[in-house]
N, C-alpha and C. Protein backbone atom coordinates (compact mmCIF):
# COMPACT_ATOMS: atom_id res chain seq x y z
N MET A 1 -7.29 19.62 -25.08
CA MET A 1 -6.45 18.71 -24.32
C MET A 1 -6.08 17.51 -25.18
N LYS A 2 -4.82 17.12 -25.13
CA LYS A 2 -4.32 16.01 -25.94
C LYS A 2 -4.46 14.68 -25.17
N ILE A 3 -4.86 13.64 -25.89
CA ILE A 3 -5.02 12.31 -25.31
C ILE A 3 -3.88 11.43 -25.81
N ILE A 4 -3.10 10.91 -24.86
CA ILE A 4 -1.93 10.10 -25.19
C ILE A 4 -2.14 8.68 -24.68
N GLY A 5 -1.95 7.71 -25.54
CA GLY A 5 -2.06 6.31 -25.14
C GLY A 5 -0.86 5.90 -24.31
N HIS A 6 -1.09 5.54 -23.05
CA HIS A 6 -0.02 5.18 -22.12
C HIS A 6 0.46 3.76 -22.38
N ARG A 7 1.71 3.65 -22.82
CA ARG A 7 2.29 2.36 -23.24
C ARG A 7 1.42 1.72 -24.33
N GLY A 8 0.88 2.59 -25.15
CA GLY A 8 -0.05 2.18 -26.19
C GLY A 8 -1.47 2.32 -25.69
N ALA A 9 -2.12 1.18 -25.51
CA ALA A 9 -3.44 1.15 -24.87
C ALA A 9 -3.36 0.07 -23.81
N ARG A 10 -2.67 0.36 -22.74
CA ARG A 10 -2.29 -0.63 -21.74
C ARG A 10 -3.49 -1.37 -21.15
N GLY A 11 -4.62 -0.69 -21.04
CA GLY A 11 -5.79 -1.33 -20.48
C GLY A 11 -6.54 -2.22 -21.46
N LEU A 12 -6.13 -2.17 -22.73
CA LEU A 12 -6.86 -2.89 -23.78
C LEU A 12 -6.02 -3.96 -24.46
N ALA A 13 -4.70 -3.90 -24.32
CA ALA A 13 -3.80 -4.84 -24.97
C ALA A 13 -2.49 -4.88 -24.19
N PRO A 14 -1.67 -5.91 -24.36
CA PRO A 14 -0.40 -5.99 -23.63
C PRO A 14 0.45 -4.74 -23.86
N GLU A 15 0.89 -4.13 -22.77
CA GLU A 15 1.59 -2.84 -22.85
C GLU A 15 2.89 -2.91 -23.63
N ASN A 16 3.22 -1.77 -24.23
CA ASN A 16 4.49 -1.61 -24.93
C ASN A 16 4.72 -2.66 -26.02
N THR A 17 3.64 -3.05 -26.66
CA THR A 17 3.73 -3.94 -27.81
C THR A 17 3.16 -3.23 -29.03
N ILE A 18 3.52 -3.69 -30.20
CA ILE A 18 2.99 -3.09 -31.42
C ILE A 18 1.47 -3.24 -31.46
N ALA A 19 0.96 -4.36 -30.95
CA ALA A 19 -0.49 -4.55 -30.89
C ALA A 19 -1.15 -3.48 -30.03
N SER A 20 -0.50 -3.13 -28.92
CA SER A 20 -1.04 -2.11 -28.03
C SER A 20 -1.02 -0.73 -28.69
N PHE A 21 0.04 -0.44 -29.43
CA PHE A 21 0.14 0.84 -30.12
C PHE A 21 -0.94 0.96 -31.21
N LYS A 22 -1.14 -0.12 -31.92
CA LYS A 22 -2.16 -0.11 -32.98
C LYS A 22 -3.56 0.01 -32.38
N LYS A 23 -3.77 -0.59 -31.23
CA LYS A 23 -5.06 -0.47 -30.55
C LYS A 23 -5.31 0.99 -30.14
N ALA A 24 -4.27 1.66 -29.66
CA ALA A 24 -4.41 3.08 -29.31
C ALA A 24 -4.78 3.91 -30.54
N LEU A 25 -4.14 3.61 -31.67
CA LEU A 25 -4.44 4.34 -32.90
C LEU A 25 -5.89 4.12 -33.34
N GLU A 26 -6.41 2.94 -33.08
CA GLU A 26 -7.81 2.66 -33.43
C GLU A 26 -8.77 3.61 -32.72
N HIS A 27 -8.34 4.11 -31.56
CA HIS A 27 -9.20 4.99 -30.78
C HIS A 27 -8.79 6.47 -30.91
N HIS A 28 -8.04 6.76 -31.98
CA HIS A 28 -7.78 8.15 -32.41
C HIS A 28 -7.08 9.00 -31.35
N VAL A 29 -6.05 8.42 -30.75
CA VAL A 29 -5.24 9.19 -29.80
C VAL A 29 -4.46 10.29 -30.53
N ASP A 30 -4.02 11.27 -29.75
CA ASP A 30 -3.18 12.33 -30.30
C ASP A 30 -1.70 11.96 -30.26
N GLY A 31 -1.37 10.96 -29.45
CA GLY A 31 0.01 10.52 -29.34
C GLY A 31 0.09 9.17 -28.64
N ILE A 32 1.24 8.54 -28.75
CA ILE A 32 1.49 7.25 -28.11
C ILE A 32 2.77 7.36 -27.28
N GLU A 33 2.69 6.90 -26.03
CA GLU A 33 3.86 6.89 -25.15
C GLU A 33 4.38 5.48 -25.01
N PHE A 34 5.71 5.34 -25.01
CA PHE A 34 6.33 4.04 -24.76
C PHE A 34 7.68 4.24 -24.10
N ASP A 35 8.19 3.15 -23.49
CA ASP A 35 9.40 3.21 -22.67
C ASP A 35 10.56 2.51 -23.36
N LEU A 36 11.75 3.07 -23.18
CA LEU A 36 12.94 2.48 -23.81
C LEU A 36 13.93 1.95 -22.78
N ARG A 37 14.45 0.78 -23.07
CA ARG A 37 15.55 0.16 -22.33
C ARG A 37 16.63 -0.24 -23.34
N VAL A 38 17.83 -0.48 -22.86
CA VAL A 38 18.95 -0.86 -23.73
C VAL A 38 19.58 -2.14 -23.21
N THR A 39 19.78 -3.09 -24.11
CA THR A 39 20.35 -4.38 -23.74
C THR A 39 21.87 -4.28 -23.56
N LYS A 40 22.45 -5.37 -23.11
CA LYS A 40 23.90 -5.44 -22.88
C LYS A 40 24.68 -5.15 -24.15
N ASP A 41 24.15 -5.57 -25.31
CA ASP A 41 24.85 -5.35 -26.57
C ASP A 41 24.34 -4.12 -27.32
N GLY A 42 23.66 -3.20 -26.61
CA GLY A 42 23.33 -1.91 -27.19
C GLY A 42 22.07 -1.86 -28.04
N LYS A 43 21.24 -2.88 -27.96
CA LYS A 43 19.99 -2.88 -28.71
C LYS A 43 18.92 -2.14 -27.91
N VAL A 44 18.22 -1.22 -28.56
CA VAL A 44 17.18 -0.43 -27.88
C VAL A 44 15.84 -1.16 -28.02
N ILE A 45 15.25 -1.54 -26.88
CA ILE A 45 13.97 -2.24 -26.92
C ILE A 45 12.92 -1.44 -26.17
N VAL A 46 11.67 -1.75 -26.47
CA VAL A 46 10.54 -1.07 -25.83
C VAL A 46 10.06 -1.95 -24.68
N HIS A 47 10.30 -1.46 -23.45
CA HIS A 47 9.94 -2.22 -22.25
C HIS A 47 9.96 -1.27 -21.06
N HIS A 48 9.02 -1.44 -20.14
CA HIS A 48 8.94 -0.53 -19.00
C HIS A 48 9.91 -0.87 -17.89
N ASP A 49 9.84 -2.08 -17.37
CA ASP A 49 10.64 -2.45 -16.21
C ASP A 49 12.08 -2.74 -16.59
N ALA A 50 12.96 -2.65 -15.59
CA ALA A 50 14.37 -2.96 -15.81
C ALA A 50 14.58 -4.45 -16.04
N GLU A 51 13.63 -5.27 -15.58
CA GLU A 51 13.70 -6.71 -15.75
C GLU A 51 12.59 -7.19 -16.68
N LEU A 52 12.90 -8.19 -17.46
CA LEU A 52 11.92 -8.86 -18.30
C LEU A 52 11.49 -10.15 -17.61
N THR A 53 10.18 -10.36 -17.52
CA THR A 53 9.65 -11.58 -16.91
C THR A 53 9.22 -12.56 -17.99
N ASP A 54 9.80 -13.75 -17.97
CA ASP A 54 9.47 -14.74 -19.00
C ASP A 54 8.18 -15.48 -18.65
N PRO A 55 7.67 -16.31 -19.55
CA PRO A 55 6.40 -17.01 -19.29
C PRO A 55 6.41 -17.88 -18.04
N ASN A 56 7.59 -18.29 -17.58
CA ASN A 56 7.68 -19.11 -16.36
C ASN A 56 7.72 -18.28 -15.09
N GLY A 57 7.76 -16.94 -15.25
CA GLY A 57 7.83 -16.06 -14.09
C GLY A 57 9.24 -15.69 -13.69
N ASP A 58 10.24 -16.21 -14.38
CA ASP A 58 11.63 -15.87 -14.08
C ASP A 58 11.95 -14.49 -14.63
N LYS A 59 12.79 -13.76 -13.90
CA LYS A 59 13.13 -12.39 -14.28
C LYS A 59 14.55 -12.33 -14.83
N HIS A 60 14.73 -11.45 -15.83
CA HIS A 60 16.02 -11.29 -16.49
C HIS A 60 16.31 -9.79 -16.62
N VAL A 61 17.44 -9.35 -16.08
CA VAL A 61 17.80 -7.94 -16.14
C VAL A 61 18.16 -7.58 -17.57
N ILE A 62 17.44 -6.63 -18.14
CA ILE A 62 17.61 -6.30 -19.55
C ILE A 62 19.03 -5.82 -19.84
N ALA A 63 19.57 -4.96 -18.97
CA ALA A 63 20.90 -4.39 -19.21
C ALA A 63 22.00 -5.44 -19.11
N ALA A 64 21.69 -6.60 -18.53
CA ALA A 64 22.70 -7.67 -18.36
C ALA A 64 22.56 -8.76 -19.40
N CYS A 65 21.59 -8.62 -20.30
CA CYS A 65 21.35 -9.65 -21.32
C CYS A 65 21.54 -9.07 -22.72
N THR A 66 21.98 -9.92 -23.64
CA THR A 66 22.00 -9.49 -25.04
C THR A 66 20.57 -9.56 -25.59
N TYR A 67 20.38 -8.94 -26.74
CA TYR A 67 19.06 -8.94 -27.35
C TYR A 67 18.62 -10.37 -27.71
N VAL A 68 19.55 -11.16 -28.23
CA VAL A 68 19.23 -12.54 -28.59
C VAL A 68 18.82 -13.34 -27.36
N GLU A 69 19.51 -13.14 -26.25
CA GLU A 69 19.16 -13.84 -25.01
C GLU A 69 17.76 -13.46 -24.55
N LEU A 70 17.43 -12.19 -24.63
CA LEU A 70 16.09 -11.75 -24.21
C LEU A 70 15.01 -12.36 -25.08
N LYS A 71 15.26 -12.41 -26.38
CA LYS A 71 14.26 -12.97 -27.29
C LYS A 71 14.03 -14.45 -27.04
N GLN A 72 15.05 -15.13 -26.50
CA GLN A 72 14.89 -16.54 -26.16
C GLN A 72 13.97 -16.71 -24.94
N HIS A 73 13.96 -15.69 -24.09
CA HIS A 73 13.12 -15.75 -22.89
C HIS A 73 11.69 -15.29 -23.17
N LYS A 74 11.55 -14.29 -24.05
CA LYS A 74 10.23 -13.76 -24.35
C LYS A 74 10.28 -13.02 -25.67
N ALA A 75 9.34 -13.30 -26.54
CA ALA A 75 9.40 -12.74 -27.90
C ALA A 75 8.71 -11.38 -28.02
N ASP A 76 7.97 -10.96 -27.00
CA ASP A 76 7.12 -9.77 -27.11
C ASP A 76 7.84 -8.44 -27.33
N PRO A 77 8.88 -8.12 -26.54
CA PRO A 77 9.39 -6.75 -26.61
C PRO A 77 9.94 -6.38 -27.99
N PRO A 78 9.34 -5.38 -28.64
CA PRO A 78 9.86 -4.96 -29.94
C PRO A 78 11.05 -4.04 -29.77
N THR A 79 11.83 -3.90 -30.83
CA THR A 79 12.90 -2.91 -30.81
C THR A 79 12.31 -1.53 -31.11
N PHE A 80 13.06 -0.51 -30.78
CA PHE A 80 12.66 0.87 -31.06
C PHE A 80 12.41 1.04 -32.56
N GLU A 81 13.32 0.53 -33.38
CA GLU A 81 13.16 0.66 -34.84
C GLU A 81 11.92 -0.07 -35.34
N GLU A 82 11.62 -1.25 -34.77
CA GLU A 82 10.43 -1.98 -35.19
C GLU A 82 9.17 -1.18 -34.91
N VAL A 83 9.15 -0.50 -33.78
CA VAL A 83 7.99 0.33 -33.44
C VAL A 83 7.86 1.50 -34.41
N LEU A 84 8.97 2.17 -34.68
CA LEU A 84 8.93 3.31 -35.58
C LEU A 84 8.45 2.90 -36.97
N GLU A 85 8.90 1.75 -37.44
CA GLU A 85 8.49 1.28 -38.76
C GLU A 85 7.04 0.82 -38.76
N ALA A 86 6.59 0.22 -37.66
CA ALA A 86 5.24 -0.35 -37.62
C ALA A 86 4.16 0.71 -37.47
N ILE A 87 4.41 1.75 -36.66
CA ILE A 87 3.34 2.72 -36.40
C ILE A 87 3.59 4.06 -37.06
N GLY A 88 4.82 4.29 -37.54
CA GLY A 88 5.09 5.53 -38.25
C GLY A 88 4.92 6.77 -37.38
N HIS A 89 4.52 7.86 -38.01
CA HIS A 89 4.41 9.13 -37.28
C HIS A 89 3.08 9.82 -37.57
N SER A 90 2.04 9.02 -37.64
CA SER A 90 0.71 9.61 -37.83
C SER A 90 0.25 10.36 -36.59
N VAL A 91 0.82 10.01 -35.43
CA VAL A 91 0.60 10.74 -34.19
C VAL A 91 1.97 11.02 -33.57
N ILE A 92 2.00 11.90 -32.57
CA ILE A 92 3.26 12.22 -31.90
C ILE A 92 3.70 11.04 -31.04
N LEU A 93 4.99 10.73 -31.08
CA LEU A 93 5.56 9.62 -30.32
C LEU A 93 6.24 10.16 -29.06
N TYR A 94 5.72 9.78 -27.92
CA TYR A 94 6.25 10.22 -26.63
C TYR A 94 7.22 9.14 -26.15
N VAL A 95 8.50 9.42 -26.29
CA VAL A 95 9.55 8.44 -26.04
C VAL A 95 10.10 8.66 -24.63
N GLU A 96 9.79 7.72 -23.73
CA GLU A 96 10.29 7.84 -22.36
C GLU A 96 11.57 7.03 -22.20
N VAL A 97 12.63 7.71 -21.81
CA VAL A 97 13.91 7.06 -21.55
C VAL A 97 14.02 6.82 -20.05
N LYS A 98 14.11 5.57 -19.66
CA LYS A 98 14.09 5.23 -18.25
C LYS A 98 15.40 5.63 -17.58
N PRO A 99 15.37 6.00 -16.29
CA PRO A 99 16.59 6.38 -15.56
C PRO A 99 17.66 5.30 -15.63
N GLY A 100 18.89 5.73 -15.82
CA GLY A 100 20.02 4.81 -15.87
C GLY A 100 20.27 4.18 -17.21
N VAL A 101 19.40 4.44 -18.18
CA VAL A 101 19.56 3.84 -19.51
C VAL A 101 20.56 4.67 -20.32
N PRO A 102 21.53 4.04 -20.99
CA PRO A 102 22.47 4.80 -21.83
C PRO A 102 21.74 5.45 -23.00
N THR A 103 22.06 6.71 -23.23
CA THR A 103 21.33 7.47 -24.25
C THR A 103 21.91 7.35 -25.65
N ALA A 104 23.18 7.00 -25.78
CA ALA A 104 23.85 7.02 -27.09
C ALA A 104 23.14 6.17 -28.14
N PRO A 105 22.74 4.92 -27.83
CA PRO A 105 22.05 4.13 -28.87
C PRO A 105 20.70 4.72 -29.27
N ILE A 106 20.01 5.33 -28.32
CA ILE A 106 18.71 5.95 -28.60
C ILE A 106 18.89 7.18 -29.49
N ILE A 107 19.85 8.01 -29.14
CA ILE A 107 20.13 9.20 -29.93
C ILE A 107 20.51 8.82 -31.36
N LYS A 108 21.32 7.79 -31.49
CA LYS A 108 21.74 7.34 -32.83
C LYS A 108 20.55 6.97 -33.70
N ILE A 109 19.59 6.26 -33.12
CA ILE A 109 18.41 5.85 -33.89
C ILE A 109 17.56 7.06 -34.27
N ILE A 110 17.32 7.96 -33.33
CA ILE A 110 16.50 9.13 -33.64
C ILE A 110 17.17 9.98 -34.71
N LYS A 111 18.48 10.17 -34.60
CA LYS A 111 19.19 10.97 -35.61
C LYS A 111 19.09 10.30 -36.98
N ALA A 112 19.13 8.98 -37.01
CA ALA A 112 19.02 8.27 -38.29
C ALA A 112 17.66 8.51 -38.93
N TYR A 113 16.61 8.52 -38.12
CA TYR A 113 15.27 8.77 -38.67
C TYR A 113 15.09 10.23 -39.07
N LEU A 114 15.70 11.13 -38.33
CA LEU A 114 15.66 12.55 -38.74
C LEU A 114 16.37 12.72 -40.08
N ALA A 115 17.48 12.00 -40.26
CA ALA A 115 18.21 12.07 -41.53
C ALA A 115 17.41 11.51 -42.69
N LYS A 116 16.46 10.60 -42.37
CA LYS A 116 15.61 10.02 -43.41
C LYS A 116 14.40 10.89 -43.73
N GLY A 117 14.27 12.01 -43.03
CA GLY A 117 13.17 12.92 -43.32
C GLY A 117 12.13 13.06 -42.24
N TRP A 118 12.24 12.26 -41.18
CA TRP A 118 11.31 12.45 -40.07
C TRP A 118 11.56 13.82 -39.44
N LYS A 119 10.52 14.47 -39.00
CA LYS A 119 10.65 15.83 -38.45
C LYS A 119 10.78 15.76 -36.92
N PRO A 120 11.51 16.72 -36.33
CA PRO A 120 11.65 16.73 -34.87
C PRO A 120 10.30 16.76 -34.15
N GLY A 121 9.31 17.41 -34.76
CA GLY A 121 8.00 17.50 -34.13
C GLY A 121 7.25 16.18 -34.04
N TYR A 122 7.76 15.14 -34.70
CA TYR A 122 7.13 13.83 -34.60
C TYR A 122 7.39 13.20 -33.22
N PHE A 123 8.38 13.72 -32.49
CA PHE A 123 8.80 13.12 -31.23
C PHE A 123 8.60 14.08 -30.06
N ARG A 124 8.43 13.50 -28.88
CA ARG A 124 8.63 14.16 -27.60
C ARG A 124 9.52 13.22 -26.79
N ILE A 125 10.51 13.77 -26.10
CA ILE A 125 11.38 12.96 -25.26
C ILE A 125 11.10 13.31 -23.81
N LEU A 126 10.81 12.28 -23.01
CA LEU A 126 10.53 12.51 -21.60
C LEU A 126 11.32 11.55 -20.73
N SER A 127 11.57 11.99 -19.49
CA SER A 127 12.29 11.14 -18.55
C SER A 127 12.13 11.69 -17.14
N PHE A 128 12.25 10.81 -16.15
CA PHE A 128 12.34 11.23 -14.76
C PHE A 128 13.78 11.63 -14.41
N SER A 129 14.73 11.32 -15.29
CA SER A 129 16.15 11.56 -15.02
C SER A 129 16.61 12.89 -15.59
N GLN A 130 17.08 13.76 -14.72
CA GLN A 130 17.60 15.05 -15.17
C GLN A 130 18.85 14.90 -16.05
N PRO A 131 19.83 14.06 -15.69
CA PRO A 131 20.99 13.89 -16.57
C PRO A 131 20.62 13.41 -17.96
N ILE A 132 19.64 12.52 -18.06
CA ILE A 132 19.22 12.03 -19.38
C ILE A 132 18.60 13.16 -20.19
N LEU A 133 17.74 13.94 -19.57
CA LEU A 133 17.10 15.05 -20.29
C LEU A 133 18.13 16.08 -20.74
N LEU A 134 19.10 16.37 -19.89
CA LEU A 134 20.13 17.34 -20.27
C LEU A 134 20.97 16.84 -21.44
N GLU A 135 21.29 15.55 -21.43
CA GLU A 135 22.06 14.98 -22.54
C GLU A 135 21.23 14.96 -23.82
N MET A 136 19.98 14.61 -23.70
CA MET A 136 19.09 14.62 -24.86
C MET A 136 18.93 16.03 -25.42
N GLN A 137 18.86 17.01 -24.53
CA GLN A 137 18.74 18.39 -24.99
C GLN A 137 20.02 18.84 -25.70
N ARG A 138 21.15 18.38 -25.22
CA ARG A 138 22.42 18.74 -25.86
C ARG A 138 22.54 18.10 -27.24
N GLN A 139 22.12 16.85 -27.35
CA GLN A 139 22.29 16.10 -28.60
C GLN A 139 21.15 16.32 -29.60
N LEU A 140 19.95 16.53 -29.06
CA LEU A 140 18.76 16.67 -29.92
C LEU A 140 17.96 17.90 -29.49
N PRO A 141 18.53 19.08 -29.60
CA PRO A 141 17.87 20.29 -29.08
C PRO A 141 16.57 20.64 -29.78
N GLU A 142 16.40 20.14 -31.01
CA GLU A 142 15.22 20.50 -31.78
C GLU A 142 13.98 19.71 -31.37
N ILE A 143 14.14 18.63 -30.62
CA ILE A 143 13.01 17.80 -30.19
C ILE A 143 12.53 18.28 -28.82
N PRO A 144 11.23 18.54 -28.66
CA PRO A 144 10.71 19.00 -27.36
C PRO A 144 10.96 17.98 -26.25
N LYS A 145 11.30 18.48 -25.06
CA LYS A 145 11.54 17.63 -23.89
C LYS A 145 10.44 17.83 -22.87
N ILE A 146 10.17 16.77 -22.11
CA ILE A 146 9.17 16.80 -21.05
C ILE A 146 9.80 16.27 -19.77
N VAL A 147 9.70 17.04 -18.70
CA VAL A 147 10.19 16.61 -17.40
C VAL A 147 9.10 15.81 -16.70
N SER A 148 9.38 14.56 -16.39
CA SER A 148 8.44 13.71 -15.65
C SER A 148 8.76 13.81 -14.16
N GLU A 149 7.71 13.93 -13.36
CA GLU A 149 7.88 14.09 -11.91
C GLU A 149 6.70 13.43 -11.21
N LYS A 150 6.97 12.74 -10.12
CA LYS A 150 5.89 12.02 -9.43
C LYS A 150 4.96 12.95 -8.67
N TRP A 151 5.53 13.87 -7.85
CA TRP A 151 4.62 14.63 -6.99
C TRP A 151 5.01 16.09 -6.74
N SER A 152 6.27 16.46 -6.93
CA SER A 152 6.71 17.80 -6.54
C SER A 152 6.68 18.77 -7.71
N GLY A 153 5.76 19.72 -7.67
CA GLY A 153 5.72 20.75 -8.70
C GLY A 153 6.94 21.65 -8.67
N ILE A 154 7.46 21.91 -7.48
CA ILE A 154 8.65 22.74 -7.36
C ILE A 154 9.84 22.07 -8.03
N ARG A 155 10.01 20.78 -7.76
CA ARG A 155 11.11 20.04 -8.38
C ARG A 155 10.93 19.96 -9.90
N ALA A 156 9.69 19.74 -10.33
CA ALA A 156 9.43 19.63 -11.77
C ALA A 156 9.78 20.91 -12.51
N THR A 157 9.35 22.05 -12.00
CA THR A 157 9.62 23.32 -12.68
C THR A 157 11.10 23.69 -12.59
N HIS A 158 11.74 23.32 -11.49
CA HIS A 158 13.19 23.58 -11.37
C HIS A 158 13.96 22.80 -12.43
N LYS A 159 13.63 21.51 -12.57
CA LYS A 159 14.28 20.69 -13.58
C LYS A 159 14.00 21.23 -14.99
N ALA A 160 12.76 21.63 -15.21
CA ALA A 160 12.37 22.11 -16.54
C ALA A 160 13.15 23.35 -16.93
N ARG A 161 13.36 24.25 -15.98
CA ARG A 161 14.15 25.45 -16.28
C ARG A 161 15.57 25.06 -16.68
N LYS A 162 16.15 24.10 -15.98
CA LYS A 162 17.51 23.66 -16.29
C LYS A 162 17.59 23.03 -17.68
N VAL A 163 16.56 22.28 -18.04
CA VAL A 163 16.54 21.61 -19.35
C VAL A 163 16.21 22.59 -20.47
N GLY A 164 15.46 23.64 -20.12
CA GLY A 164 15.06 24.61 -21.13
C GLY A 164 13.74 24.26 -21.79
N THR A 165 12.80 23.74 -20.98
CA THR A 165 11.49 23.37 -21.49
C THR A 165 10.41 23.93 -20.59
N ARG A 166 9.20 24.06 -21.13
CA ARG A 166 8.05 24.48 -20.35
C ARG A 166 7.08 23.31 -20.14
N HIS A 167 7.48 22.11 -20.56
CA HIS A 167 6.60 20.95 -20.49
C HIS A 167 6.93 20.11 -19.26
N ILE A 168 5.92 19.85 -18.43
CA ILE A 168 6.10 18.98 -17.27
C ILE A 168 4.96 17.96 -17.24
N LEU A 169 5.26 16.78 -16.71
CA LEU A 169 4.29 15.69 -16.62
C LEU A 169 4.31 15.18 -15.19
N MET A 170 3.13 15.11 -14.55
CA MET A 170 3.08 14.73 -13.15
C MET A 170 2.03 13.65 -12.90
N ASN A 171 2.23 12.90 -11.82
CA ASN A 171 1.29 11.87 -11.41
C ASN A 171 -0.04 12.51 -11.02
N GLN A 172 -1.12 12.08 -11.63
CA GLN A 172 -2.42 12.70 -11.40
C GLN A 172 -2.90 12.55 -9.96
N LYS A 173 -2.35 11.58 -9.22
CA LYS A 173 -2.76 11.37 -7.82
C LYS A 173 -2.46 12.59 -6.95
N TRP A 174 -1.46 13.38 -7.36
CA TRP A 174 -1.04 14.51 -6.54
C TRP A 174 -1.52 15.85 -7.09
N LEU A 175 -2.32 15.81 -8.13
CA LEU A 175 -2.79 17.05 -8.74
C LEU A 175 -4.15 17.47 -8.17
N TRP A 176 -4.38 18.77 -8.17
CA TRP A 176 -5.70 19.31 -7.83
C TRP A 176 -5.89 20.59 -8.62
N TRP A 177 -7.15 21.04 -8.71
CA TRP A 177 -7.46 22.12 -9.65
C TRP A 177 -6.69 23.39 -9.37
N GLY A 178 -6.44 23.70 -8.08
CA GLY A 178 -5.71 24.94 -7.76
C GLY A 178 -4.28 24.92 -8.27
N PHE A 179 -3.62 23.78 -8.10
CA PHE A 179 -2.25 23.65 -8.60
C PHE A 179 -2.22 23.74 -10.11
N ILE A 180 -3.15 23.05 -10.76
CA ILE A 180 -3.21 23.08 -12.22
C ILE A 180 -3.38 24.50 -12.73
N ALA A 181 -4.29 25.25 -12.11
CA ALA A 181 -4.52 26.64 -12.52
C ALA A 181 -3.28 27.49 -12.29
N MET A 182 -2.59 27.27 -11.17
CA MET A 182 -1.40 28.07 -10.85
C MET A 182 -0.28 27.84 -11.86
N VAL A 183 0.03 26.57 -12.16
CA VAL A 183 1.13 26.31 -13.09
C VAL A 183 0.76 26.75 -14.51
N SER A 184 -0.51 26.64 -14.84
CA SER A 184 -0.95 27.09 -16.16
C SER A 184 -0.77 28.60 -16.30
N ARG A 185 -1.15 29.34 -15.26
CA ARG A 185 -0.95 30.80 -15.30
C ARG A 185 0.52 31.17 -15.37
N GLY A 186 1.38 30.28 -14.83
CA GLY A 186 2.82 30.53 -14.87
C GLY A 186 3.46 30.19 -16.21
N GLY A 187 2.67 29.74 -17.16
CA GLY A 187 3.20 29.45 -18.49
C GLY A 187 3.70 28.03 -18.68
N TRP A 188 3.45 27.16 -17.68
CA TRP A 188 3.87 25.77 -17.80
C TRP A 188 2.82 24.96 -18.54
N LYS A 189 3.27 24.01 -19.33
CA LYS A 189 2.38 23.13 -20.08
C LYS A 189 2.34 21.79 -19.35
N LEU A 190 1.26 21.59 -18.62
CA LEU A 190 1.17 20.47 -17.68
C LEU A 190 0.43 19.30 -18.28
N GLY A 191 1.02 18.11 -18.09
CA GLY A 191 0.37 16.86 -18.43
C GLY A 191 0.19 16.01 -17.18
N ALA A 192 -0.73 15.04 -17.23
CA ALA A 192 -1.00 14.17 -16.09
C ALA A 192 -0.97 12.72 -16.52
N TYR A 193 -0.37 11.87 -15.67
CA TYR A 193 -0.40 10.42 -15.87
C TYR A 193 -0.86 9.76 -14.58
N THR A 194 -1.38 8.58 -14.56
CA THR A 194 -2.13 7.97 -15.63
C THR A 194 -3.59 8.28 -15.30
N LEU A 195 -4.27 9.00 -16.17
CA LEU A 195 -5.61 9.51 -15.89
C LEU A 195 -6.62 8.80 -16.79
N ASP A 196 -7.48 8.00 -16.17
CA ASP A 196 -8.43 7.19 -16.92
C ASP A 196 -9.89 7.63 -16.75
N ASP A 197 -10.09 8.74 -16.06
CA ASP A 197 -11.43 9.24 -15.76
C ASP A 197 -11.74 10.44 -16.67
N PRO A 198 -12.59 10.26 -17.67
CA PRO A 198 -12.90 11.36 -18.59
C PRO A 198 -13.55 12.56 -17.91
N VAL A 199 -14.35 12.31 -16.88
CA VAL A 199 -15.01 13.42 -16.19
C VAL A 199 -13.98 14.30 -15.48
N LYS A 200 -13.07 13.68 -14.76
CA LYS A 200 -12.00 14.43 -14.08
C LYS A 200 -11.12 15.17 -15.10
N ALA A 201 -10.78 14.48 -16.18
CA ALA A 201 -9.93 15.09 -17.20
C ALA A 201 -10.59 16.34 -17.79
N LYS A 202 -11.87 16.23 -18.10
CA LYS A 202 -12.59 17.37 -18.68
C LYS A 202 -12.65 18.53 -17.70
N ARG A 203 -12.87 18.23 -16.43
CA ARG A 203 -12.91 19.29 -15.42
C ARG A 203 -11.55 19.97 -15.27
N TRP A 204 -10.49 19.16 -15.21
CA TRP A 204 -9.16 19.72 -15.06
C TRP A 204 -8.72 20.50 -16.29
N ALA A 205 -9.23 20.12 -17.44
CA ALA A 205 -8.89 20.86 -18.67
C ALA A 205 -9.34 22.31 -18.58
N THR A 206 -10.43 22.57 -17.85
CA THR A 206 -10.90 23.94 -17.71
C THR A 206 -9.94 24.80 -16.89
N TYR A 207 -9.09 24.15 -16.09
CA TYR A 207 -8.10 24.87 -15.29
C TYR A 207 -6.73 24.94 -15.95
N GLY A 208 -6.60 24.29 -17.12
CA GLY A 208 -5.36 24.43 -17.86
C GLY A 208 -4.57 23.17 -18.11
N LEU A 209 -5.10 22.00 -17.72
CA LEU A 209 -4.39 20.76 -18.02
C LEU A 209 -4.31 20.57 -19.53
N ARG A 210 -3.11 20.33 -20.04
CA ARG A 210 -2.89 20.28 -21.49
C ARG A 210 -2.93 18.87 -22.08
N VAL A 211 -2.45 17.89 -21.30
CA VAL A 211 -2.22 16.55 -21.84
C VAL A 211 -2.58 15.52 -20.79
N ILE A 212 -3.17 14.39 -21.20
CA ILE A 212 -3.33 13.27 -20.28
C ILE A 212 -2.78 12.00 -20.92
N PHE A 213 -2.20 11.17 -20.09
CA PHE A 213 -1.76 9.84 -20.49
C PHE A 213 -2.76 8.86 -19.90
N THR A 214 -3.33 8.00 -20.73
CA THR A 214 -4.37 7.10 -20.27
C THR A 214 -4.13 5.67 -20.74
N ASP A 215 -4.53 4.71 -19.88
CA ASP A 215 -4.48 3.30 -20.25
C ASP A 215 -5.69 2.91 -21.10
N TYR A 216 -6.72 3.76 -21.10
CA TYR A 216 -7.98 3.44 -21.77
C TYR A 216 -8.38 4.54 -22.75
N PRO A 217 -7.69 4.63 -23.87
CA PRO A 217 -8.02 5.70 -24.83
C PRO A 217 -9.43 5.58 -25.40
N ASP A 218 -10.03 4.40 -25.31
CA ASP A 218 -11.40 4.24 -25.81
C ASP A 218 -12.39 5.10 -25.03
N ARG A 219 -12.08 5.41 -23.77
CA ARG A 219 -12.97 6.23 -22.94
C ARG A 219 -12.95 7.71 -23.38
N PHE A 220 -11.93 8.08 -24.12
CA PHE A 220 -11.77 9.48 -24.50
C PHE A 220 -11.96 9.70 -26.01
N GLU A 221 -12.38 8.66 -26.69
CA GLU A 221 -12.47 8.74 -28.15
C GLU A 221 -13.45 9.82 -28.55
N ARG A 222 -13.01 10.66 -29.52
CA ARG A 222 -13.82 11.79 -29.94
C ARG A 222 -14.48 11.51 -31.27
C-alpha cells in the first residue's frame, strides 16, 4: 500500500507549502498530493480553497486576483513551478486540479517539464471534475489519471470508465471492507482519503486498498 502525504504533511506543517512537502519527505512517503488554483492573470498556485485568507482573516477569491495581488495579502502560497523545483520528483506528485479551474496553464507547465526530461510517471493527475479529467486525458494521455469521488462507488467507476482509468480515490468515511474487496476484485485500484489510522489502513490493505492519503505520514513511516 502506498502512503501519500495529503497536502504535504498537513497535520505536521502548514498545508500546501514547500515546508509541508519537505516534512512529508522526511517521513519517507511514496508520494505527495497538492492542490492547484489559477489566478486572474493565469499564474498556477498551490492552494486548496477557492479563496485565500490573509492574516487579518479577510478572504480574497483567487480567480479574481492577480498573482501580485495575492502575494500582497499572503506570502505563503507557492507557485506550481516553485514546488516542482523545490521538491523535484523523488516521489510521485499527485496533482489535484480543483473543479472550475482552467486547465490550459497547468497543462502548459507539465508539458514544459516533460520537455525538460521529466517522465510522465512522475505525476498523477486527479480531480473531482469529470470535464477536467477528460481534458487532461486528451492533452496528457501518458500521465495516469485518478477519479476523486466523495461517496458513490458507482459514480466513481462510471467516471473512470469514461476517462479511461482504473484508478479511483474515495472518502474513507464511506468505505468498508466489503466494498473495498468488491472493487479490488473488479480490477479497480482504490485509494482512500484522508486516512490517519494506521491500524485501519493495514486492515483495509488486506482487502485490496492500494493507496492512502494521510495528514500524518509520521504515523505510517516504515
